[in-house]
Amino acid sequence: MRLKTKRAAAKRFKITGSGKISRRHSHHSHILTKKSRKRKRKLKDWAGLSSADKRRVRKMLHI
């Protein structure tokens, strides 16, 4: 039987061309009025994944 990808993980992470895993920043969905323009701009970008989490996410995505 085929192993199914955890859909929650698939929606939150993406694999870059070089095989690294990237993620979105938190705190960029609501209550944006009190956050500075600079802070919101930084939160827009994709971030790298910490080495402690890489193994767990790879397992969830089956890669």
PDB file of N, CA and C in Angstrom:
ATOM      1  N   MET A   1       0.833  -1.186   0.000  1.00  0.00           N
ATOM      2  CA  MET A   1       0.000   0.000   0.000  1.00  0.00           C
ATOM      3  C   MET A   1       0.878   1.250   0.000  1.00  0.00           C
ATOM      4  N   ARG A   2       0.444   2.243  -0.767  1.00  0.00           N
ATOM      5  CA  ARG A   2       1.198   3.483  -0.918  1.00  0.00           C
ATOM      6  C   ARG A   2       1.103   4.334   0.346  1.00  0.00           C
ATOM      7  N   LEU A   3       2.233   4.960   0.726  1.00  0.00           N
ATOM      8  CA  LEU A   3       2.229   5.869   1.880  1.00  0.00           C
ATOM      9  C   LEU A   3       1.647   7.206   1.456  1.00  0.00           C
ATOM     10  N   LYS A   4       0.687   7.697   2.224  1.00  0.00           N
ATOM     11  CA  LYS A   4       0.053   8.977   1.890  1.00  0.00           C
ATOM     12  C   LYS A   4       0.795  10.127   2.557  1.00  0.00           C
ATOM     13  N   THR A   5       0.925  11.224   1.828  1.00  0.00           N
ATOM     14  CA  THR A   5       1.545  12.437   2.352  1.00  0.00           C
ATOM     15  C   THR A   5       0.590  13.077   3.354  1.00  0.00           C
ATOM     16  N   LYS A   6       1.140  13.611   4.444  1.00  0.00           N
ATOM     17  CA  LYS A   6       0.328  14.361   5.406  1.00  0.00           C
ATOM     18  C   LYS A   6      -0.064  15.676   4.742  1.00  0.00           C
ATOM     19  N   ARG A   7      -1.350  15.855   4.471  1.00  0.00           N
ATOM     20  CA  ARG A   7      -1.812  17.023   3.727  1.00  0.00           C
ATOM     21  C   ARG A   7      -1.536  18.327   4.461  1.00  0.00           C
ATOM     22  N   ALA A   8      -1.617  18.298   5.776  1.00  0.00           N
ATOM     23  CA  ALA A   8      -1.338  19.507   6.566  1.00  0.00           C
ATOM     24  C   ALA A   8       0.091  19.984   6.326  1.00  0.00           C
ATOM     25  N   ALA A   9       1.026  19.042   6.253  1.00  0.00           N
ATOM     26  CA  ALA A   9       2.427  19.382   6.013  1.00  0.00           C
ATOM     27  C   ALA A   9       2.635  19.853   4.579  1.00  0.00           C
ATOM     28  N   ALA A  10       1.953  19.217   3.638  1.00  0.00           N
ATOM     29  CA  ALA A  10       2.099  19.569   2.220  1.00  0.00           C
ATOM     30  C   ALA A  10       1.656  21.007   1.957  1.00  0.00           C
ATOM     31  N   LYS A  11       0.664  21.478   2.717  1.00  0.00           N
ATOM     32  CA  LYS A  11       0.168  22.834   2.537  1.00  0.00           C
ATOM     33  C   LYS A  11       1.071  23.878   3.178  1.00  0.00           C
ATOM     34  N   ARG A  12       1.898  23.466   4.143  1.00  0.00           N
ATOM     35  CA  ARG A  12       2.712  24.419   4.902  1.00  0.00           C
ATOM     36  C   ARG A  12       4.166  24.519   4.454  1.00  0.00           C
ATOM     37  N   PHE A  13       4.670  23.497   3.784  1.00  0.00           N
ATOM     38  CA  PHE A  13       6.076  23.468   3.398  1.00  0.00           C
ATOM     39  C   PHE A  13       6.207  23.272   1.900  1.00  0.00           C
ATOM     40  N   LYS A  14       7.316  23.775   1.343  1.00  0.00           N
ATOM     41  CA  LYS A  14       7.593  23.488  -0.066  1.00  0.00           C
ATOM     42  C   LYS A  14       9.068  23.127  -0.219  1.00  0.00           C
ATOM     43  N   ILE A  15       9.346  22.308  -1.204  1.00  0.00           N
ATOM     44  CA  ILE A  15      10.707  21.847  -1.464  1.00  0.00           C
ATOM     45  C   ILE A  15      11.305  22.744  -2.537  1.00  0.00           C
ATOM     46  N   THR A  16      12.497  23.268  -2.263  1.00  0.00           N
ATOM     47  CA  THR A  16      13.167  24.120  -3.242  1.00  0.00           C
ATOM     48  C   THR A  16      13.828  23.244  -4.304  1.00  0.00           C
ATOM     49  N   GLY A  17      14.315  23.869  -5.335  1.00  0.00           N
ATOM     50  CA  GLY A  17      14.959  23.135  -6.418  1.00  0.00           C
ATOM     51  C   GLY A  17      16.184  22.357  -5.964  1.00  0.00           C
ATOM     52  N   SER A  18      16.881  22.872  -4.950  1.00  0.00           N
ATOM     53  CA  SER A  18      18.083  22.203  -4.455  1.00  0.00           C
ATOM     54  C   SER A  18      17.766  21.160  -3.384  1.00  0.00           C
ATOM     55  N   GLY A  19      16.464  20.968  -3.086  1.00  0.00           N
ATOM     56  CA  GLY A  19      16.071  19.924  -2.129  1.00  0.00           C
ATOM     57  C   GLY A  19      15.894  20.404  -0.699  1.00  0.00           C
ATOM     58  N   LYS A  20      16.066  21.710  -0.469  1.00  0.00           N
ATOM     59  CA  LYS A  20      15.865  22.234   0.883  1.00  0.00           C
ATOM     60  C   LYS A  20      14.370  22.423   1.131  1.00  0.00           C
ATOM     61  N   ILE A  21      13.991  22.495   2.398  1.00  0.00           N
ATOM     62  CA  ILE A  21      12.587  22.692   2.755  1.00  0.00           C
ATOM     63  C   ILE A  21      12.408  24.117   3.247  1.00  0.00           C
ATOM     64  N   SER A  22      11.402  24.812   2.719  1.00  0.00           N
ATOM     65  CA  SER A  22      11.140  26.170   3.177  1.00  0.00           C
ATOM     66  C   SER A  22       9.746  26.253   3.775  1.00  0.00           C
ATOM     67  N   ARG A  23       9.539  27.259   4.604  1.00  0.00           N
ATOM     68  CA  ARG A  23       8.281  27.433   5.321  1.00  0.00           C
ATOM     69  C   ARG A  23       7.890  28.900   5.316  1.00  0.00           C
ATOM     70  N   ARG A  24       6.647  29.187   5.692  1.00  0.00           N
ATOM     71  CA  ARG A  24       6.174  30.561   5.801  1.00  0.00           C
ATOM     72  C   ARG A  24       6.426  31.056   7.227  1.00  0.00           C
ATOM     73  N   HIS A  25       6.485  32.382   7.389  1.00  0.00           N
ATOM     74  CA  HIS A  25       6.581  32.958   8.723  1.00  0.00           C
ATOM     75  C   HIS A  25       5.198  32.991   9.370  1.00  0.00           C
ATOM     76  N   SER A  26       5.169  32.935  10.682  1.00  0.00           N
ATOM     77  CA  SER A  26       3.898  33.061  11.392  1.00  0.00           C
ATOM     78  C   SER A  26       3.613  34.543  11.640  1.00  0.00           C
ATOM     79  N   HIS A  27       2.438  34.850  12.149  1.00  0.00           N
ATOM     80  CA  HIS A  27       1.999  36.208  12.525  1.00  0.00           C
ATOM     81  C   HIS A  27       1.771  37.134  11.335  1.00  0.00           C
ATOM     82  N   HIS A  28       1.451  36.586  10.168  1.00  0.00           N
ATOM     83  CA  HIS A  28       1.199  37.466   9.027  1.00  0.00           C
ATOM     84  C   HIS A  28      -0.204  37.279   8.470  1.00  0.00           C
ATOM     85  N   SER A  29      -1.132  36.818   9.293  1.00  0.00           N
ATOM     86  CA  SER A  29      -2.476  36.571   8.775  1.00  0.00           C
ATOM     87  C   SER A  29      -3.501  37.603   9.238  1.00  0.00           C
ATOM     88  N   HIS A  30      -3.402  38.062  10.465  1.00  0.00           N
ATOM     89  CA  HIS A  30      -4.371  39.062  10.941  1.00  0.00           C
ATOM     90  C   HIS A  30      -3.738  39.933  12.022  1.00  0.00           C
ATOM     91  N   ILE A  31      -4.477  40.940  12.458  1.00  0.00           N
ATOM     92  CA  ILE A  31      -3.985  41.979  13.400  1.00  0.00           C
ATOM     93  C   ILE A  31      -2.700  42.603  12.840  1.00  0.00           C
ATOM     94  N   LEU A  32      -2.795  43.071  11.602  1.00  0.00           N
ATOM     95  CA  LEU A  32      -1.621  43.622  10.932  1.00  0.00           C
ATOM     96  C   LEU A  32      -1.468  45.130  11.158  1.00  0.00           C
ATOM     97  N   THR A  33      -2.484  45.768  11.701  1.00  0.00           N
ATOM     98  CA  THR A  33      -2.440  47.224  11.844  1.00  0.00           C
ATOM     99  C   THR A  33      -1.384  47.676  12.842  1.00  0.00           C
ATOM    100  N   LYS A  34      -1.174  46.896  13.873  1.00  0.00           N
ATOM    101  CA  LYS A  34      -0.201  47.294  14.900  1.00  0.00           C
ATOM    102  C   LYS A  34       1.244  46.895  14.558  1.00  0.00           C
ATOM    103  N   LYS A  35       1.409  46.133  13.494  1.00  0.00           N
ATOM    104  CA  LYS A  35       2.752  45.701  13.091  1.00  0.00           C
ATOM    105  C   LYS A  35       3.335  46.705  12.110  1.00  0.00           C
ATOM    106  N   SER A  36       4.623  46.937  12.238  1.00  0.00           N
ATOM    107  CA  SER A  36       5.272  47.926  11.380  1.00  0.00           C
ATOM    108  C   SER A  36       5.358  47.417   9.937  1.00  0.00           C
ATOM    109  N   ARG A  37       5.512  48.345   9.019  1.00  0.00           N
ATOM    110  CA  ARG A  37       5.613  47.988   7.602  1.00  0.00           C
ATOM    111  C   ARG A  37       6.817  47.080   7.370  1.00  0.00           C
ATOM    112  N   LYS A  38       7.909  47.390   8.020  1.00  0.00           N
ATOM    113  CA  LYS A  38       9.140  46.595   7.877  1.00  0.00           C
ATOM    114  C   LYS A  38       8.911  45.162   8.359  1.00  0.00           C
ATOM    115  N   ARG A  39       8.243  45.035   9.503  1.00  0.00           N
ATOM    116  CA  ARG A  39       7.991  43.714  10.075  1.00  0.00           C
ATOM    117  C   ARG A  39       7.088  42.875   9.166  1.00  0.00           C
ATOM    118  N   LYS A  40       6.045  43.499   8.632  1.00  0.00           N
ATOM    119  CA  LYS A  40       5.132  42.785   7.729  1.00  0.00           C
ATOM    120  C   LYS A  40       5.838  42.358   6.450  1.00  0.00           C
ATOM    121  N   ARG A  41       6.730  43.220   5.957  1.00  0.00           N
ATOM    122  CA  ARG A  41       7.487  42.914   4.745  1.00  0.00           C
ATOM    123  C   ARG A  41       8.403  41.716   4.968  1.00  0.00           C
ATOM    124  N   LYS A  42       9.023  41.658   6.132  1.00  0.00           N
ATOM    125  CA  LYS A  42       9.916  40.537   6.465  1.00  0.00           C
ATOM    126  C   LYS A  42       9.130  39.230   6.622  1.00  0.00           C
ATOM    127  N   LEU A  43       7.916  39.321   7.154  1.00  0.00           N
ATOM    128  CA  LEU A  43       7.092  38.135   7.372  1.00  0.00           C
ATOM    129  C   LEU A  43       6.570  37.543   6.065  1.00  0.00           C
ATOM    130  N   LYS A  44       6.545  38.349   4.999  1.00  0.00           N
ATOM    131  CA  LYS A  44       6.055  37.884   3.705  1.00  0.00           C
ATOM    132  C   LYS A  44       6.953  36.807   3.104  1.00  0.00           C
ATOM    133  N   ASP A  45       8.253  36.922   3.322  1.00  0.00           N
ATOM    134  CA  ASP A  45       9.232  36.030   2.704  1.00  0.00           C
ATOM    135  C   ASP A  45       9.132  34.610   3.247  1.00  0.00           C
ATOM    136  N   TRP A  46       9.612  33.687   2.447  1.00  0.00           N
ATOM    137  CA  TRP A  46       9.733  32.302   2.893  1.00  0.00           C
ATOM    138  C   TRP A  46      10.995  32.187   3.731  1.00  0.00           C
ATOM    139  N   ALA A  47      10.993  31.291   4.703  1.00  0.00           N
ATOM    140  CA  ALA A  47      12.139  31.096   5.585  1.00  0.00           C
ATOM    141  C   ALA A  47      12.639  29.663   5.452  1.00  0.00           C
ATOM    142  N   GLY A  48      13.867  29.447   5.886  1.00  0.00           N
ATOM    143  CA  GLY A  48      14.414  28.100   5.903  1.00  0.00           C
ATOM    144  C   GLY A  48      13.869  27.338   7.084  1.00  0.00           C
ATOM    145  N   LEU A  49      14.077  26.050   7.093  1.00  0.00           N
ATOM    146  CA  LEU A  49      13.610  25.209   8.190  1.00  0.00           C
ATOM    147  C   LEU A  49      14.791  24.882   9.083  1.00  0.00           C
ATOM    148  N   SER A  50      14.579  24.875  10.385  1.00  0.00           N
ATOM    149  CA  SER A  50      15.672  24.567  11.301  1.00  0.00           C
ATOM    150  C   SER A  50      16.069  23.099  11.150  1.00  0.00           C
ATOM    151  N   SER A  51      17.315  22.809  11.404  1.00  0.00           N
ATOM    152  CA  SER A  51      17.814  21.442  11.214  1.00  0.00           C
ATOM    153  C   SER A  51      17.127  20.446  12.140  1.00  0.00           C
ATOM    154  N   ALA A  52      16.637  20.926  13.290  1.00  0.00           N
ATOM    155  CA  ALA A  52      15.944  20.051  14.238  1.00  0.00           C
ATOM    156  C   ALA A  52      14.613  19.553  13.671  1.00  0.00           C
ATOM    157  N   ASP A  53      13.977  20.355  12.822  1.00  0.00           N
ATOM    158  CA  ASP A  53      12.663  20.000  12.280  1.00  0.00           C
ATOM    159  C   ASP A  53      12.722  19.283  10.936  1.00  0.00           C
ATOM    160  N   LYS A  54      13.861  19.335  10.261  1.00  0.00           N
ATOM    161  CA  LYS A  54      13.971  18.794   8.904  1.00  0.00           C
ATOM    162  C   LYS A  54      13.580  17.319   8.820  1.00  0.00           C
ATOM    163  N   ARG A  55      14.073  16.522   9.756  1.00  0.00           N
ATOM    164  CA  ARG A  55      13.827  15.077   9.712  1.00  0.00           C
ATOM    165  C   ARG A  55      12.335  14.779   9.842  1.00  0.00           C
ATOM    166  N   ARG A  56      11.679  15.490  10.771  1.00  0.00           N
ATOM    167  CA  ARG A  56      10.252  15.275  11.020  1.00  0.00           C
ATOM    168  C   ARG A  56       9.411  15.676   9.800  1.00  0.00           C
ATOM    169  N   VAL A  57       9.749  16.797   9.182  1.00  0.00           N
ATOM    170  CA  VAL A  57       8.976  17.261   8.019  1.00  0.00           C
ATOM    171  C   VAL A  57       9.210  16.346   6.833  1.00  0.00           C
ATOM    172  N   ARG A  58      10.417  15.892   6.628  1.00  0.00           N
ATOM    173  CA  ARG A  58      10.715  14.970   5.531  1.00  0.00           C
ATOM    174  C   ARG A  58       9.888  13.694   5.670  1.00  0.00           C
ATOM    175  N   LYS A  59       9.742  13.229   6.911  1.00  0.00           N
ATOM    176  CA  LYS A  59       8.950  12.038   7.185  1.00  0.00           C
ATOM    177  C   LYS A  59       7.482  12.261   6.826  1.00  0.00           C
ATOM    178  N   MET A  60       6.963  13.446   7.161  1.00  0.00           N
ATOM    179  CA  MET A  60       5.570  13.763   6.879  1.00  0.00           C
ATOM    180  C   MET A  60       5.300  13.873   5.383  1.00  0.00           C
ATOM    181  N   LEU A  61       6.326  14.378   4.644  1.00  0.00           N
ATOM    182  CA  LEU A  61       6.172  14.559   3.196  1.00  0.00           C
ATOM    183  C   LEU A  61       6.616  13.322   2.403  1.00  0.00           C
ATOM    184  N   HIS A  62       7.218  12.347   3.084  1.00  0.00           N
ATOM    185  CA  HIS A  62       7.721  11.114   2.468  1.00  0.00           C
ATOM    186  C   HIS A  62       8.753  11.398   1.365  1.00  0.00           C
ATOM    187  N   ILE A  63       9.766  12.205   1.719  1.00  0.00           N
ATOM    188  CA  ILE A  63      10.843  12.475   0.759  1.00  0.00           C
ATOM    189  C   ILE A  63      12.176  12.060   1.358  1.00  0.00           C
TER     190      ILE A  63
END
